Structure formats: structure tokens, C-alpha cells
Amino acid sequence: MSQDILILEMDGDVARITLNRPEGRNALSMELSYRLVEAVETVKRSTKIKFVVFKGAGDTFCAGDDIKEMFRWVEDEEGQYTLQKRKISIASL
């Protein structure tokens, strides 16, 4: 059974988004980046959510972009869309 690479939990007025690739230090692969954008869009559509908590599974929050996939970002149409949507600000860890 495959493990979900992003977990979105919404409880009351709080959303929790967990990057779940601890074996890769939660580096942002194309799939994880796409899922992150989807999760943020879901949270934005909710009228109940007032707070969003981002966390990483394991010992690392996020190592940044997954350099193994770096060149796929510019070649892949879905990657281009995700790059344009990735304008997330983190105020506090």
C-alpha cells in the first residue's frame, strides 16, 4: 500500500497540512508540489478555516525542491502550472 505524500486535516477552524515524504526529507517533488497547491486551494475555498499549520513528517520540515526532478519542472506542462501557483508564504514555524 502506498503512503500518502500529503495529509490534509481540517478540524473546526484549523487546517493541518503535513508533507509526508520523510525518506526524502519532505523535499518538494512535482507530485508533492501539485498536491500542496491543491490542499491550499481546498483550504482557501473553506469558509470555516482561519488557521493553517504546515508541518513535515519526520525530523525535517522541508528540504526545498527535490533536485532529482529539477529539470522536469521546465519541461512538464503540469510543472509549469504548479510553479506559477507556488506563492505560499510561511509566517511562523
PDB file of N, CA and C in Angstrom:
ATOM      1  N   MET A   1       0.846  -1.179   0.000  1.00  0.00           N
ATOM      2  CA  MET A   1       0.000   0.000   0.000  1.00  0.00           C
ATOM      3  C   MET A   1       0.886   1.234   0.000  1.00  0.00           C
ATOM      4  N   SER A   2       0.618   2.163  -0.878  1.00  0.00           N
ATOM      5  CA  SER A   2       1.439   3.365  -0.956  1.00  0.00           C
ATOM      6  C   SER A   2       1.013   4.362   0.116  1.00  0.00           C
ATOM      7  N   GLN A   3       1.972   5.128   0.545  1.00  0.00           N
ATOM      8  CA  GLN A   3       1.760   6.123   1.593  1.00  0.00           C
ATOM      9  C   GLN A   3       1.378   7.446   0.948  1.00  0.00           C
ATOM     10  N   ASP A   4       0.432   8.153   1.548  1.00  0.00           N
ATOM     11  CA  ASP A   4       0.013   9.448   1.022  1.00  0.00           C
ATOM     12  C   ASP A   4       1.112  10.473   1.289  1.00  0.00           C
ATOM     13  N   ILE A   5       1.567  11.178   0.262  1.00  0.00           N
ATOM     14  CA  ILE A   5       2.696  12.108   0.423  1.00  0.00           C
ATOM     15  C   ILE A   5       2.286  13.452   0.995  1.00  0.00           C
ATOM     16  N   LEU A   6       0.989  13.711   1.068  1.00  0.00           N
ATOM     17  CA  LEU A   6       0.498  14.931   1.704  1.00  0.00           C
ATOM     18  C   LEU A   6      -0.778  14.586   2.460  1.00  0.00           C
ATOM     19  N   ILE A   7      -0.841  15.059   3.693  1.00  0.00           N
ATOM     20  CA  ILE A   7      -2.017  14.804   4.520  1.00  0.00           C
ATOM     21  C   ILE A   7      -2.667  16.144   4.839  1.00  0.00           C
ATOM     22  N   LEU A   8      -3.940  16.275   4.507  1.00  0.00           N
ATOM     23  CA  LEU A   8      -4.713  17.477   4.815  1.00  0.00           C
ATOM     24  C   LEU A   8      -5.778  17.098   5.829  1.00  0.00           C
ATOM     25  N   GLU A   9      -5.740  17.768   6.978  1.00  0.00           N
ATOM     26  CA  GLU A   9      -6.746  17.562   8.013  1.00  0.00           C
ATOM     27  C   GLU A   9      -7.398  18.909   8.297  1.00  0.00           C
ATOM     28  N   MET A  10      -8.718  18.921   8.314  1.00  0.00           N
ATOM     29  CA  MET A  10      -9.435  20.150   8.639  1.00  0.00           C
ATOM     30  C   MET A  10     -10.351  19.840   9.813  1.00  0.00           C
ATOM     31  N   ASP A  11     -10.139  20.577  10.899  1.00  0.00           N
ATOM     32  CA  ASP A  11     -10.894  20.347  12.126  1.00  0.00           C
ATOM     33  C   ASP A  11     -11.303  21.697  12.700  1.00  0.00           C
ATOM     34  N   GLY A  12     -12.590  21.985  12.642  1.00  0.00           N
ATOM     35  CA  GLY A  12     -13.064  23.281  13.121  1.00  0.00           C
ATOM     36  C   GLY A  12     -12.511  24.394  12.257  1.00  0.00           C
ATOM     37  N   ASP A  13     -11.805  25.344  12.889  1.00  0.00           N
ATOM     38  CA  ASP A  13     -11.243  26.467  12.134  1.00  0.00           C
ATOM     39  C   ASP A  13      -9.755  26.306  11.831  1.00  0.00           C
ATOM     40  N   VAL A  14      -9.230  25.077  12.036  1.00  0.00           N
ATOM     41  CA  VAL A  14      -7.803  24.818  11.820  1.00  0.00           C
ATOM     42  C   VAL A  14      -7.611  23.765  10.730  1.00  0.00           C
ATOM     43  N   ALA A  15      -6.712  24.062   9.795  1.00  0.00           N
ATOM     44  CA  ALA A  15      -6.291  23.085   8.790  1.00  0.00           C
ATOM     45  C   ALA A  15      -4.840  22.719   9.081  1.00  0.00           C
ATOM     46  N   ARG A  16      -4.535  21.435   8.972  1.00  0.00           N
ATOM     47  CA  ARG A  16      -3.162  20.959   9.147  1.00  0.00           C
ATOM     48  C   ARG A  16      -2.727  20.296   7.849  1.00  0.00           C
ATOM     49  N   ILE A  17      -1.623  20.787   7.301  1.00  0.00           N
ATOM     50  CA  ILE A  17      -1.073  20.221   6.072  1.00  0.00           C
ATOM     51  C   ILE A  17       0.278  19.617   6.426  1.00  0.00           C
ATOM     52  N   THR A  18       0.397  18.303   6.236  1.00  0.00           N
ATOM     53  CA  THR A  18       1.635  17.602   6.567  1.00  0.00           C
ATOM     54  C   THR A  18       2.301  17.102   5.294  1.00  0.00           C
ATOM     55  N   LEU A  19       3.543  17.527   5.072  1.00  0.00           N
ATOM     56  CA  LEU A  19       4.360  16.988   3.987  1.00  0.00           C
ATOM     57  C   LEU A  19       4.837  15.627   4.474  1.00  0.00           C
ATOM     58  N   ASN A  20       4.540  14.569   3.738  1.00  0.00           N
ATOM     59  CA  ASN A  20       4.761  13.220   4.243  1.00  0.00           C
ATOM     60  C   ASN A  20       5.710  12.418   3.349  1.00  0.00           C
ATOM     61  N   ARG A  21       6.908  12.960   3.165  1.00  0.00           N
ATOM     62  CA  ARG A  21       7.978  12.253   2.442  1.00  0.00           C
ATOM     63  C   ARG A  21       9.232  12.247   3.321  1.00  0.00           C
ATOM     64  N   PRO A  22       9.154  11.690   4.527  1.00  0.00           N
ATOM     65  CA  PRO A  22      10.299  11.776   5.439  1.00  0.00           C
ATOM     66  C   PRO A  22      11.561  11.120   4.883  1.00  0.00           C
ATOM     67  N   GLU A  23      11.398  10.097   4.037  1.00  0.00           N
ATOM     68  CA  GLU A  23      12.573   9.430   3.459  1.00  0.00           C
ATOM     69  C   GLU A  23      13.336  10.362   2.520  1.00  0.00           C
ATOM     70  N   GLY A  24      12.677  11.369   1.987  1.00  0.00           N
ATOM     71  CA  GLY A  24      13.307  12.363   1.114  1.00  0.00           C
ATOM     72  C   GLY A  24      13.386  13.725   1.771  1.00  0.00           C
ATOM     73  N   ARG A  25      13.341  13.747   3.092  1.00  0.00           N
ATOM     74  CA  ARG A  25      13.389  14.981   3.884  1.00  0.00           C
ATOM     75  C   ARG A  25      12.295  15.960   3.455  1.00  0.00           C
ATOM     76  N   ASN A  26      11.167  15.395   3.026  1.00  0.00           N
ATOM     77  CA  ASN A  26       9.995  16.173   2.603  1.00  0.00           C
ATOM     78  C   ASN A  26      10.302  17.162   1.481  1.00  0.00           C
ATOM     79  N   ALA A  27      11.288  16.815   0.655  1.00  0.00           N
ATOM     80  CA  ALA A  27      11.616  17.660  -0.498  1.00  0.00           C
ATOM     81  C   ALA A  27      10.407  17.715  -1.427  1.00  0.00           C
ATOM     82  N   LEU A  28      10.219  18.862  -2.053  1.00  0.00           N
ATOM     83  CA  LEU A  28       9.057  19.092  -2.900  1.00  0.00           C
ATOM     84  C   LEU A  28       9.258  18.494  -4.289  1.00  0.00           C
ATOM     85  N   SER A  29       8.777  17.277  -4.455  1.00  0.00           N
ATOM     86  CA  SER A  29       8.738  16.665  -5.779  1.00  0.00           C
ATOM     87  C   SER A  29       7.621  17.344  -6.562  1.00  0.00           C
ATOM     88  N   MET A  30       7.537  17.047  -7.850  1.00  0.00           N
ATOM     89  CA  MET A  30       6.452  17.627  -8.646  1.00  0.00           C
ATOM     90  C   MET A  30       5.104  17.199  -8.088  1.00  0.00           C
ATOM     91  N   GLU A  31       4.984  15.921  -7.747  1.00  0.00           N
ATOM     92  CA  GLU A  31       3.707  15.424  -7.233  1.00  0.00           C
ATOM     93  C   GLU A  31       3.355  16.078  -5.899  1.00  0.00           C
ATOM     94  N   LEU A  32       4.321  16.185  -4.996  1.00  0.00           N
ATOM     95  CA  LEU A  32       4.054  16.809  -3.703  1.00  0.00           C
ATOM     96  C   LEU A  32       3.719  18.288  -3.874  1.00  0.00           C
ATOM     97  N   SER A  33       4.411  18.964  -4.762  1.00  0.00           N
ATOM     98  CA  SER A  33       4.117  20.380  -5.017  1.00  0.00           C
ATOM     99  C   SER A  33       2.706  20.558  -5.559  1.00  0.00           C
ATOM    100  N   TYR A  34       2.317  19.695  -6.484  1.00  0.00           N
ATOM    101  CA  TYR A  34       0.972  19.757  -7.044  1.00  0.00           C
ATOM    102  C   TYR A  34      -0.068  19.512  -5.958  1.00  0.00           C
ATOM    103  N   ARG A  35       0.185  18.501  -5.125  1.00  0.00           N
ATOM    104  CA  ARG A  35      -0.739  18.184  -4.028  1.00  0.00           C
ATOM    105  C   ARG A  35      -0.812  19.320  -3.017  1.00  0.00           C
ATOM    106  N   LEU A  36       0.319  20.008  -2.787  1.00  0.00           N
ATOM    107  CA  LEU A  36       0.341  21.138  -1.857  1.00  0.00           C
ATOM    108  C   LEU A  36      -0.522  22.285  -2.385  1.00  0.00           C
ATOM    109  N   VAL A  37      -0.399  22.568  -3.665  1.00  0.00           N
ATOM    110  CA  VAL A  37      -1.233  23.610  -4.280  1.00  0.00           C
ATOM    111  C   VAL A  37      -2.710  23.232  -4.160  1.00  0.00           C
ATOM    112  N   GLU A  38      -3.042  21.972  -4.434  1.00  0.00           N
ATOM    113  CA  GLU A  38      -4.430  21.514  -4.307  1.00  0.00           C
ATOM    114  C   GLU A  38      -4.941  21.688  -2.880  1.00  0.00           C
ATOM    115  N   ALA A  39      -4.110  21.329  -1.894  1.00  0.00           N
ATOM    116  CA  ALA A  39      -4.511  21.441  -0.489  1.00  0.00           C
ATOM    117  C   ALA A  39      -4.762  22.894  -0.106  1.00  0.00           C
ATOM    118  N   VAL A  40      -3.880  23.781  -0.533  1.00  0.00           N
ATOM    119  CA  VAL A  40      -4.051  25.202  -0.223  1.00  0.00           C
ATOM    120  C   VAL A  40      -5.313  25.740  -0.893  1.00  0.00           C
ATOM    121  N   GLU A  41      -5.575  25.325  -2.117  1.00  0.00           N
ATOM    122  CA  GLU A  41      -6.803  25.751  -2.804  1.00  0.00           C
ATOM    123  C   GLU A  41      -8.040  25.246  -2.059  1.00  0.00           C
ATOM    124  N   THR A  42      -7.993  24.025  -1.560  1.00  0.00           N
ATOM    125  CA  THR A  42      -9.101  23.471  -0.782  1.00  0.00           C
ATOM    126  C   THR A  42      -9.331  24.291   0.477  1.00  0.00           C
ATOM    127  N   VAL A  43      -8.254  24.629   1.168  1.00  0.00           N
ATOM    128  CA  VAL A  43      -8.352  25.433   2.390  1.00  0.00           C
ATOM    129  C   VAL A  43      -8.919  26.817   2.069  1.00  0.00           C
ATOM    130  N   LYS A  44      -8.462  27.408   0.968  1.00  0.00           N
ATOM    131  CA  LYS A  44      -8.944  28.743   0.591  1.00  0.00           C
ATOM    132  C   LYS A  44     -10.445  28.750   0.315  1.00  0.00           C
ATOM    133  N   ARG A  45     -10.960  27.649  -0.223  1.00  0.00           N
ATOM    134  CA  ARG A  45     -12.394  27.566  -0.531  1.00  0.00           C
ATOM    135  C   ARG A  45     -13.258  27.387   0.723  1.00  0.00           C
ATOM    136  N   SER A  46     -12.641  26.955   1.810  1.00  0.00           N
ATOM    137  CA  SER A  46     -13.401  26.724   3.039  1.00  0.00           C
ATOM    138  C   SER A  46     -13.738  28.051   3.713  1.00  0.00           C
ATOM    139  N   THR A  47     -14.960  28.165   4.162  1.00  0.00           N
ATOM    140  CA  THR A  47     -15.363  29.376   4.885  1.00  0.00           C
ATOM    141  C   THR A  47     -15.103  29.248   6.380  1.00  0.00           C
ATOM    142  N   LYS A  48     -14.759  28.043   6.843  1.00  0.00           N
ATOM    143  CA  LYS A  48     -14.547  27.804   8.275  1.00  0.00           C
ATOM    144  C   LYS A  48     -13.096  27.988   8.713  1.00  0.00           C
ATOM    145  N   ILE A  49     -12.147  27.713   7.829  1.00  0.00           N
ATOM    146  CA  ILE A  49     -10.734  27.685   8.214  1.00  0.00           C
ATOM    147  C   ILE A  49     -10.199  29.096   8.432  1.00  0.00           C
ATOM    148  N   LYS A  50      -9.579  29.301   9.605  1.00  0.00           N
ATOM    149  CA  LYS A  50      -8.954  30.579   9.938  1.00  0.00           C
ATOM    150  C   LYS A  50      -7.448  30.443  10.127  1.00  0.00           C
ATOM    151  N   PHE A  51      -6.980  29.231  10.411  1.00  0.00           N
ATOM    152  CA  PHE A  51      -5.565  28.988  10.679  1.00  0.00           C
ATOM    153  C   PHE A  51      -5.098  27.776   9.886  1.00  0.00           C
ATOM    154  N   VAL A  52      -3.862  27.854   9.381  1.00  0.00           N
ATOM    155  CA  VAL A  52      -3.265  26.731   8.672  1.00  0.00           C
ATOM    156  C   VAL A  52      -1.924  26.420   9.321  1.00  0.00           C
ATOM    157  N   VAL A  53      -1.734  25.158   9.677  1.00  0.00           N
ATOM    158  CA  VAL A  53      -0.480  24.700  10.267  1.00  0.00           C
ATOM    159  C   VAL A  53       0.204  23.800   9.243  1.00  0.00           C
ATOM    160  N   PHE A  54       1.421  24.170   8.857  1.00  0.00           N
ATOM    161  CA  PHE A  54       2.226  23.353   7.952  1.00  0.00           C
ATOM    162  C   PHE A  54       3.248  22.608   8.792  1.00  0.00           C
ATOM    163  N   LYS A  55       3.422  21.312   8.502  1.00  0.00           N
ATOM    164  CA  LYS A  55       4.474  20.567   9.187  1.00  0.00           C
ATOM    165  C   LYS A  55       5.011  19.490   8.268  1.00  0.00           C
ATOM    166  N   GLY A  56       6.185  19.001   8.628  1.00  0.00           N
ATOM    167  CA  GLY A  56       6.806  17.927   7.876  1.00  0.00           C
ATOM    168  C   GLY A  56       6.888  16.679   8.723  1.00  0.00           C
ATOM    169  N   ALA A  57       6.639  15.533   8.112  1.00  0.00           N
ATOM    170  CA  ALA A  57       6.775  14.265   8.821  1.00  0.00           C
ATOM    171  C   ALA A  57       8.257  13.985   9.058  1.00  0.00           C
ATOM    172  N   GLY A  58       8.565  13.364  10.164  1.00  0.00           N
ATOM    173  CA  GLY A  58       9.957  13.041  10.468  1.00  0.00           C
ATOM    174  C   GLY A  58      10.693  14.212  11.076  1.00  0.00           C
ATOM    175  N   ASP A  59      12.015  14.229  10.882  1.00  0.00           N
ATOM    176  CA  ASP A  59      12.891  15.217  11.524  1.00  0.00           C
ATOM    177  C   ASP A  59      13.034  16.529  10.762  1.00  0.00           C
ATOM    178  N   THR A  60      12.590  16.584   9.517  1.00  0.00           N
ATOM    179  CA  THR A  60      12.808  17.762   8.677  1.00  0.00           C
ATOM    180  C   THR A  60      11.474  18.327   8.216  1.00  0.00           C
ATOM    181  N   PHE A  61      11.337  19.665   8.306  1.00  0.00           N
ATOM    182  CA  PHE A  61      10.114  20.274   7.779  1.00  0.00           C
ATOM    183  C   PHE A  61      10.077  20.099   6.268  1.00  0.00           C
ATOM    184  N   CYS A  62      11.067  20.661   5.563  1.00  0.00           N
ATOM    185  CA  CYS A  62      11.116  20.565   4.108  1.00  0.00           C
ATOM    186  C   CYS A  62      12.514  20.937   3.637  1.00  0.00           C
ATOM    187  N   ALA A  63      13.108  20.078   2.831  1.00  0.00           N
ATOM    188  CA  ALA A  63      14.457  20.324   2.328  1.00  0.00           C
ATOM    189  C   ALA A  63      14.476  21.244   1.112  1.00  0.00           C
ATOM    190  N   GLY A  64      13.316  21.702   0.659  1.00  0.00           N
ATOM    191  CA  GLY A  64      13.246  22.534  -0.545  1.00  0.00           C
ATOM    192  C   GLY A  64      12.793  21.697  -1.722  1.00  0.00           C
ATOM    193  N   ASP A  65      13.073  22.171  -2.926  1.00  0.00           N
ATOM    194  CA  ASP A  65      12.695  21.411  -4.117  1.00  0.00           C
ATOM    195  C   ASP A  65      13.534  20.148  -4.224  1.00  0.00           C
ATOM    196  N   ASP A  66      12.933  19.106  -4.768  1.00  0.00           N
ATOM    197  CA  ASP A  66      13.630  17.841  -4.989  1.00  0.00           C
ATOM    198  C   ASP A  66      14.528  18.011  -6.214  1.00  0.00           C
ATOM    199  N   ILE A  67      15.830  18.089  -5.993  1.00  0.00           N
ATOM    200  CA  ILE A  67      16.752  18.367  -7.103  1.00  0.00           C
ATOM    201  C   ILE A  67      16.794  17.236  -8.125  1.00  0.00           C
ATOM    202  N   LYS A  68      16.327  16.048  -7.757  1.00  0.00           N
ATOM    203  CA  LYS A  68      16.274  14.941  -8.715  1.00  0.00           C
ATOM    204  C   LYS A  68      15.277  15.231  -9.840  1.00  0.00           C
ATOM    205  N   GLU A  69      14.336  16.112  -9.581  1.00  0.00           N
ATOM    206  CA  GLU A  69      13.298  16.422 -10.569  1.00  0.00           C
ATOM    207  C   GLU A  69      13.414  17.835 -11.126  1.00  0.00           C
ATOM    208  N   MET A  70      14.497  18.510 -10.827  1.00  0.00           N
ATOM    209  CA  MET A  70      14.639  19.923 -11.156  1.00  0.00           C
ATOM    210  C   MET A  70      14.376  20.231 -12.639  1.00  0.00           C
ATOM    211  N   PHE A  71      14.919  19.443 -13.541  1.00  0.00           N
ATOM    212  CA  PHE A  71      14.781  19.744 -14.967  1.00  0.00           C
ATOM    213  C   PHE A  71      13.400  19.389 -15.502  1.00  0.00           C
ATOM    214  N   ARG A  72      12.689  18.515 -14.817  1.00  0.00           N
ATOM    215  CA  ARG A  72      11.328  18.173 -15.245  1.00  0.00           C
ATOM    216  C   ARG A  72      10.381  19.350 -15.077  1.00  0.00           C
ATOM    217  N   TRP A  73      10.671  20.243 -14.119  1.00  0.00           N
ATOM    218  CA  TRP A  73       9.777  21.383 -13.882  1.00  0.00           C
ATOM    219  C   TRP A  73       9.593  22.226 -15.139  1.00  0.00           C
ATOM    220  N   VAL A  74      10.665  22.500 -15.851  1.00  0.00           N
ATOM    221  CA  VAL A  74      10.569  23.374 -17.021  1.00  0.00           C
ATOM    222  C   VAL A  74      10.043  22.638 -18.245  1.00  0.00           C
ATOM    223  N   GLU A  75      10.170  21.311 -18.269  1.00  0.00           N
ATOM    224  CA  GLU A  75       9.737  20.537 -19.424  1.00  0.00           C
ATOM    225  C   GLU A  75       8.281  20.096 -19.331  1.00  0.00           C
ATOM    226  N   ASP A  76       7.748  20.045 -18.134  1.00  0.00           N
ATOM    227  CA  ASP A  76       6.438  19.473 -17.906  1.00  0.00           C
ATOM    228  C   ASP A  76       5.371  20.561 -17.785  1.00  0.00           C
ATOM    229  N   GLU A  77       4.298  20.424 -18.544  1.00  0.00           N
ATOM    230  CA  GLU A  77       3.222  21.428 -18.518  1.00  0.00           C
ATOM    231  C   GLU A  77       2.594  21.537 -17.131  1.00  0.00           C
ATOM    232  N   GLU A  78       2.351  20.409 -16.487  1.00  0.00           N
ATOM    233  CA  GLU A  78       1.791  20.430 -15.131  1.00  0.00           C
ATOM    234  C   GLU A  78       2.763  21.095 -14.164  1.00  0.00           C
ATOM    235  N   GLY A  79       4.049  20.865 -14.356  1.00  0.00           N
ATOM    236  CA  GLY A  79       5.061  21.504 -13.518  1.00  0.00           C
ATOM    237  C   GLY A  79       5.048  23.009 -13.681  1.00  0.00           C
ATOM    238  N   GLN A  80       4.873  23.487 -14.896  1.00  0.00           N
ATOM    239  CA  GLN A  80       4.799  24.930 -15.137  1.00  0.00           C
ATOM    240  C   GLN A  80       3.604  25.534 -14.415  1.00  0.00           C
ATOM    241  N   TYR A  81       2.461  24.847 -14.480  1.00  0.00           N
ATOM    242  CA  TYR A  81       1.264  25.327 -13.780  1.00  0.00           C
ATOM    243  C   TYR A  81       1.525  25.388 -12.279  1.00  0.00           C
ATOM    244  N   THR A  82       2.127  24.340 -11.739  1.00  0.00           N
ATOM    245  CA  THR A  82       2.400  24.291 -10.305  1.00  0.00           C
ATOM    246  C   THR A  82       3.382  25.370  -9.903  1.00  0.00           C
ATOM    247  N   LEU A  83       4.407  25.601 -10.708  1.00  0.00           N
ATOM    248  CA  LEU A  83       5.373  26.657 -10.398  1.00  0.00           C
ATOM    249  C   LEU A  83       4.689  28.016 -10.328  1.00  0.00           C
ATOM    250  N   GLN A  84       3.757  28.262 -11.229  1.00  0.00           N
ATOM    251  CA  GLN A  84       3.052  29.545 -11.233  1.00  0.00           C
ATOM    252  C   GLN A  84       2.162  29.697 -10.003  1.00  0.00           C
ATOM    253  N   LYS A  85       1.635  28.605  -9.478  1.00  0.00           N
ATOM    254  CA  LYS A  85       0.731  28.655  -8.333  1.00  0.00           C
ATOM    255  C   LYS A  85       1.474  28.677  -6.994  1.00  0.00           C
ATOM    256  N   ARG A  86       2.768  28.332  -6.985  1.00  0.00           N
ATOM    257  CA  ARG A  86       3.501  28.209  -5.726  1.00  0.00           C
ATOM    258  C   ARG A  86       3.966  29.569  -5.234  1.00  0.00           C
ATOM    259  N   LYS A  87       3.100  30.243  -4.562  1.00  0.00           N
ATOM    260  CA  LYS A  87       3.438  31.528  -3.961  1.00  0.00           C
ATOM    261  C   LYS A  87       2.929  31.513  -2.529  1.00  0.00           C
ATOM    262  N   ILE A  88       3.379  30.533  -1.784  1.00  0.00           N
ATOM    263  CA  ILE A  88       2.928  30.340  -0.414  1.00  0.00           C
ATOM    264  C   ILE A  88       3.915  31.006   0.528  1.00  0.00           C
ATOM    265  N   SER A  89       3.425  31.779   1.465  1.00  0.00           N
ATOM    266  CA  SER A  89       4.267  32.412   2.477  1.00  0.00           C
ATOM    267  C   SER A  89       4.064  31.704   3.804  1.00  0.00           C
ATOM    268  N   ILE A  90       5.153  31.461   4.493  1.00  0.00           N
ATOM    269  CA  ILE A  90       5.084  30.842   5.806  1.00  0.00           C
ATOM    270  C   ILE A  90       5.485  31.890   6.824  1.00  0.00           C
ATOM    271  N   ALA A  91       4.577  32.228   7.711  1.00  0.00           N
ATOM    272  CA  ALA A  91       4.824  33.295   8.678  1.00  0.00           C
ATOM    273  C   ALA A  91       5.567  32.795   9.899  1.00  0.00           C
ATOM    274  N   SER A  92       5.366  31.537  10.274  1.00  0.00           N
ATOM    275  CA  SER A  92       5.972  31.039  11.501  1.00  0.00           C
ATOM    276  C   SER A  92       6.103  29.534  11.428  1.00  0.00           C
ATOM    277  N   LEU A  93       7.194  29.021  11.967  1.00  0.00           N
ATOM    278  CA  LEU A  93       7.375  27.567  12.029  1.00  0.00           C
ATOM    279  C   LEU A  93       7.357  27.131  13.465  1.00  0.00           C
TER     280      LEU A  93
END
